[in-house]
């Protein structure tokens, strides 16, 4: 599914809520939650991943480091929280991470159509408001 994801931890520390609305912290991509074999732990784990879609101009690369031993913490109709750990390549440490995942659409193509319709509706509403203001001013 095509989602927007916010990482709630940074370098092993919980992000304060006032930093959650920073647009630069949100990532978009194709979200999957699946079992995988992990060589270092020699067992099967659940893995959450966010990858670039080819349709969105990506190459199928990871947008965020994979979450291993991932668990679904909370889920609502259009969002969920997933916790797990990721490997920091620079320090070789495993760090806890929680993703706040907003479900945008079932796939990227649906998101593009939905987004363009919403933009068109916003533009039409703005034009209507301008017309209404012009009528009041006359």
C-alpha atoms as a PDB file:
ATOM      1  CA  UNK A   1       0.000   0.000   0.000  1.00  0.00           C
ATOM      2  CA  UNK A   2       1.187   3.543  -0.681  1.00  0.00           C
ATOM      3  CA  UNK A   3       1.899   5.335   2.599  1.00  0.00           C
ATOM      4  CA  UNK A   4       3.462   8.343   4.292  1.00  0.00           C
ATOM      5  CA  UNK A   5       5.714   7.402   7.221  1.00  0.00           C
ATOM      6  CA  UNK A   6       7.112   9.365  10.147  1.00  0.00           C
ATOM      7  CA  UNK A   7       9.926   7.867  12.214  1.00  0.00           C
ATOM      8  CA  UNK A   8       9.141   8.559  15.868  1.00  0.00           C
ATOM      9  CA  UNK A   9      12.674   7.868  17.128  1.00  0.00           C
ATOM     10  CA  UNK A  10      15.926   9.529  16.058  1.00  0.00           C
ATOM     11  CA  UNK A  11      19.330   8.098  16.986  1.00  0.00           C
ATOM     12  CA  UNK A  12      17.743   6.046  19.758  1.00  0.00           C
ATOM     13  CA  UNK A  13      15.799   8.980  21.240  1.00  0.00           C
ATOM     14  CA  UNK A  14      12.054   9.584  21.076  1.00  0.00           C
ATOM     15  CA  UNK A  15      11.196  12.627  18.934  1.00  0.00           C
ATOM     16  CA  UNK A  16       9.238  15.365  20.751  1.00  0.00           C
ATOM     17  CA  UNK A  17       5.717  15.880  19.374  1.00  0.00           C
ATOM     18  CA  UNK A  18       6.461  19.414  18.137  1.00  0.00           C
ATOM     19  CA  UNK A  19       8.909  17.883  15.622  1.00  0.00           C
ATOM     20  CA  UNK A  20       6.306  15.449  14.212  1.00  0.00           C
ATOM     21  CA  UNK A  21       4.826  18.063  11.862  1.00  0.00           C
ATOM     22  CA  UNK A  22       8.107  18.807  10.110  1.00  0.00           C
ATOM     23  CA  UNK A  23       7.524  18.011   6.437  1.00  0.00           C
ATOM     24  CA  UNK A  24      11.149  16.946   5.990  1.00  0.00           C
ATOM     25  CA  UNK A  25      10.673  14.078   8.454  1.00  0.00           C
ATOM     26  CA  UNK A  26       7.876  12.390   6.452  1.00  0.00           C
ATOM     27  CA  UNK A  27       8.760   9.785   3.818  1.00  0.00           C
ATOM     28  CA  UNK A  28       6.502   8.294   1.135  1.00  0.00           C
ATOM     29  CA  UNK A  29       6.622   4.944  -0.560  1.00  0.00           C
ATOM     30  CA  UNK A  30       5.206   1.453  -0.862  1.00  0.00           C
ATOM     31  CA  UNK A  31       4.792  -0.067   2.612  1.00  0.00           C
ATOM     32  CA  UNK A  32       5.012  -3.817   3.126  1.00  0.00           C
ATOM     33  CA  UNK A  33       4.980  -6.017   6.219  1.00  0.00           C
ATOM     34  CA  UNK A  34       6.302  -9.527   5.636  1.00  0.00           C
ATOM     35  CA  UNK A  35       8.294 -12.408   7.123  1.00  0.00           C
ATOM     36  CA  UNK A  36      11.973 -12.660   6.182  1.00  0.00           C
ATOM     37  CA  UNK A  37      15.005 -14.754   7.057  1.00  0.00           C
ATOM     38  CA  UNK A  38      17.642 -12.838   9.006  1.00  0.00           C
ATOM     39  CA  UNK A  39      21.145 -14.307   8.774  1.00  0.00           C
ATOM     40  CA  UNK A  40      22.614 -12.587  11.854  1.00  0.00           C
ATOM     41  CA  UNK A  41      19.849 -13.909  14.119  1.00  0.00           C
ATOM     42  CA  UNK A  42      19.457 -17.194  12.245  1.00  0.00           C
ATOM     43  CA  UNK A  43      15.656 -17.073  12.390  1.00  0.00           C
ATOM     44  CA  UNK A  44      12.587 -15.796  10.601  1.00  0.00           C
ATOM     45  CA  UNK A  45      11.480 -12.277  11.565  1.00  0.00           C
ATOM     46  CA  UNK A  46       8.731  -9.899  10.545  1.00  0.00           C
ATOM     47  CA  UNK A  47      10.078  -7.021   8.475  1.00  0.00           C
ATOM     48  CA  UNK A  48       8.437  -3.684   7.690  1.00  0.00           C
ATOM     49  CA  UNK A  49       9.813  -1.771   4.757  1.00  0.00           C
ATOM     50  CA  UNK A  50       9.122   1.390   2.811  1.00  0.00           C
ATOM     51  CA  UNK A  51      10.453   1.355  -0.744  1.00  0.00           C
ATOM     52  CA  UNK A  52      10.383   3.745  -3.690  1.00  0.00           C
ATOM     53  CA  UNK A  53       7.964   2.668  -6.363  1.00  0.00           C
ATOM     54  CA  UNK A  54       9.031   2.539  -9.988  1.00  0.00           C
ATOM     55  CA  UNK A  55       5.804   4.371 -10.911  1.00  0.00           C
ATOM     56  CA  UNK A  56       6.842   7.238  -8.603  1.00  0.00           C
ATOM     57  CA  UNK A  57      10.200   7.512 -10.344  1.00  0.00           C
ATOM     58  CA  UNK A  58      12.078   5.314  -7.884  1.00  0.00           C
ATOM     59  CA  UNK A  59      14.217   2.264  -8.452  1.00  0.00           C
ATOM     60  CA  UNK A  60      12.667   0.041  -5.798  1.00  0.00           C
ATOM     61  CA  UNK A  61      15.276   1.186  -3.266  1.00  0.00           C
ATOM     62  CA  UNK A  62      14.523   1.432   0.427  1.00  0.00           C
ATOM     63  CA  UNK A  63      13.298   4.850   1.560  1.00  0.00           C
ATOM     64  CA  UNK A  64      13.904   4.072   5.245  1.00  0.00           C
ATOM     65  CA  UNK A  65      16.026   1.372   6.878  1.00  0.00           C
ATOM     66  CA  UNK A  66      14.040  -1.843   7.247  1.00  0.00           C
ATOM     67  CA  UNK A  67      12.376  -2.494  10.609  1.00  0.00           C
ATOM     68  CA  UNK A  68      13.150  -5.996  11.851  1.00  0.00           C
ATOM     69  CA  UNK A  69      11.150  -7.981  14.379  1.00  0.00           C
ATOM     70  CA  UNK A  70       8.376  -5.529  13.529  1.00  0.00           C
ATOM     71  CA  UNK A  71       5.108  -5.534  15.442  1.00  0.00           C
ATOM     72  CA  UNK A  72       1.829  -3.834  14.694  1.00  0.00           C
ATOM     73  CA  UNK A  73       1.196  -1.717  17.801  1.00  0.00           C
ATOM     74  CA  UNK A  74      -1.955   0.214  16.866  1.00  0.00           C
ATOM     75  CA  UNK A  75      -4.151   0.334  13.777  1.00  0.00           C
ATOM     76  CA  UNK A  76      -7.054   2.543  12.758  1.00  0.00           C
ATOM     77  CA  UNK A  77      -8.887   2.893   9.435  1.00  0.00           C
ATOM     78  CA  UNK A  78      -6.258   5.074   7.778  1.00  0.00           C
ATOM     79  CA  UNK A  79      -3.125   4.839   9.950  1.00  0.00           C
ATOM     80  CA  UNK A  80      -1.058   2.427  12.026  1.00  0.00           C
ATOM     81  CA  UNK A  81       1.976   2.294  14.305  1.00  0.00           C
ATOM     82  CA  UNK A  82       4.675  -0.300  13.707  1.00  0.00           C
ATOM     83  CA  UNK A  83       7.626  -0.869  16.076  1.00  0.00           C
ATOM     84  CA  UNK A  84      10.825  -2.796  15.606  1.00  0.00           C
ATOM     85  CA  UNK A  85      14.546  -2.211  15.330  1.00  0.00           C
ATOM     86  CA  UNK A  86      16.858  -1.206  12.509  1.00  0.00           C
ATOM     87  CA  UNK A  87      20.593  -1.487  12.011  1.00  0.00           C
ATOM     88  CA  UNK A  88      22.596   1.724  11.954  1.00  0.00           C
ATOM     89  CA  UNK A  89      25.216   1.041   9.279  1.00  0.00           C
ATOM     90  CA  UNK A  90      27.640   3.658  10.605  1.00  0.00           C
ATOM     91  CA  UNK A  91      27.751   2.369  14.208  1.00  0.00           C
ATOM     92  CA  UNK A  92      26.666  -1.257  13.565  1.00  0.00           C
ATOM     93  CA  UNK A  93      24.150  -0.885  16.402  1.00  0.00           C
ATOM     94  CA  UNK A  94      20.549  -2.049  16.460  1.00  0.00           C
ATOM     95  CA  UNK A  95      18.266   0.848  17.415  1.00  0.00           C
ATOM     96  CA  UNK A  96      14.582   0.846  18.325  1.00  0.00           C
ATOM     97  CA  UNK A  97      12.238   2.585  15.912  1.00  0.00           C
ATOM     98  CA  UNK A  98       8.507   3.192  15.662  1.00  0.00           C
ATOM     99  CA  UNK A  99       6.845   4.284  12.449  1.00  0.00           C
ATOM    100  CA  UNK A 100       3.626   6.257  12.311  1.00  0.00           C
ATOM    101  CA  UNK A 101       2.201   5.066   8.968  1.00  0.00           C
ATOM    102  CA  UNK A 102      -0.552   7.005   7.208  1.00  0.00           C
ATOM    103  CA  UNK A 103      -2.233   4.927   4.523  1.00  0.00           C
ATOM    104  CA  UNK A 104      -2.705   7.098   1.426  1.00  0.00           C
ATOM    105  CA  UNK A 105      -3.935   4.516  -1.084  1.00  0.00           C
ATOM    106  CA  UNK A 106      -3.740   0.848  -1.986  1.00  0.00           C
ATOM    107  CA  UNK A 107      -0.966   1.654  -4.500  1.00  0.00           C
ATOM    108  CA  UNK A 108       0.845   4.603  -6.091  1.00  0.00           C
ATOM    109  CA  UNK A 109      -1.422   4.834  -9.169  1.00  0.00           C
ATOM    110  CA  UNK A 110      -4.508   5.127  -6.960  1.00  0.00           C
ATOM    111  CA  UNK A 111      -2.726   7.830  -4.913  1.00  0.00           C
ATOM    112  CA  UNK A 112      -1.909   9.870  -8.053  1.00  0.00           C
ATOM    113  CA  UNK A 113      -5.547   9.749  -9.209  1.00  0.00           C
ATOM    114  CA  UNK A 114      -6.882  10.534  -5.726  1.00  0.00           C
ATOM    115  CA  UNK A 115      -4.380  13.387  -5.268  1.00  0.00           C
ATOM    116  CA  UNK A 116      -5.166  14.960  -8.662  1.00  0.00           C
ATOM    117  CA  UNK A 117      -8.913  14.830  -7.956  1.00  0.00           C
ATOM    118  CA  UNK A 118      -8.392  16.468  -4.552  1.00  0.00           C
ATOM    119  CA  UNK A 119      -6.231  19.210  -6.143  1.00  0.00           C
ATOM    120  CA  UNK A 120      -8.895  19.841  -8.773  1.00  0.00           C
ATOM    121  CA  UNK A 121     -11.600  20.082  -6.091  1.00  0.00           C
ATOM    122  CA  UNK A 122      -9.475  22.529  -4.063  1.00  0.00           C
ATOM    123  CA  UNK A 123      -8.911  24.693  -7.154  1.00  0.00           C
ATOM    124  CA  UNK A 124     -12.613  24.694  -7.980  1.00  0.00           C
ATOM    125  CA  UNK A 125     -13.457  25.644  -4.402  1.00  0.00           C
ATOM    126  CA  UNK A 126     -10.925  28.506  -4.473  1.00  0.00           C
ATOM    127  CA  UNK A 127     -12.368  29.783  -7.772  1.00  0.00           C
ATOM    128  CA  UNK A 128     -15.883  29.618  -6.341  1.00  0.00           C
ATOM    129  CA  UNK A 129     -14.791  31.576  -3.271  1.00  0.00           C
ATOM    130  CA  UNK A 130     -13.206  34.234  -5.521  1.00  0.00           C
ATOM    131  CA  UNK A 131     -16.436  34.523  -7.508  1.00  0.00           C
ATOM    132  CA  UNK A 132     -18.434  34.856  -4.287  1.00  0.00           C
ATOM    133  CA  UNK A 133     -16.073  37.600  -3.051  1.00  0.00           C
ATOM    134  CA  UNK A 134     -16.331  39.451  -6.361  1.00  0.00           C
ATOM    135  CA  UNK A 135     -20.149  39.312  -6.205  1.00  0.00           C
ATOM    136  CA  UNK A 136     -20.116  40.693  -2.642  1.00  0.00           C
ATOM    137  CA  UNK A 137     -17.710  43.475  -3.610  1.00  0.00           C
ATOM    138  CA  UNK A 138     -19.882  44.611  -6.546  1.00  0.00           C
END
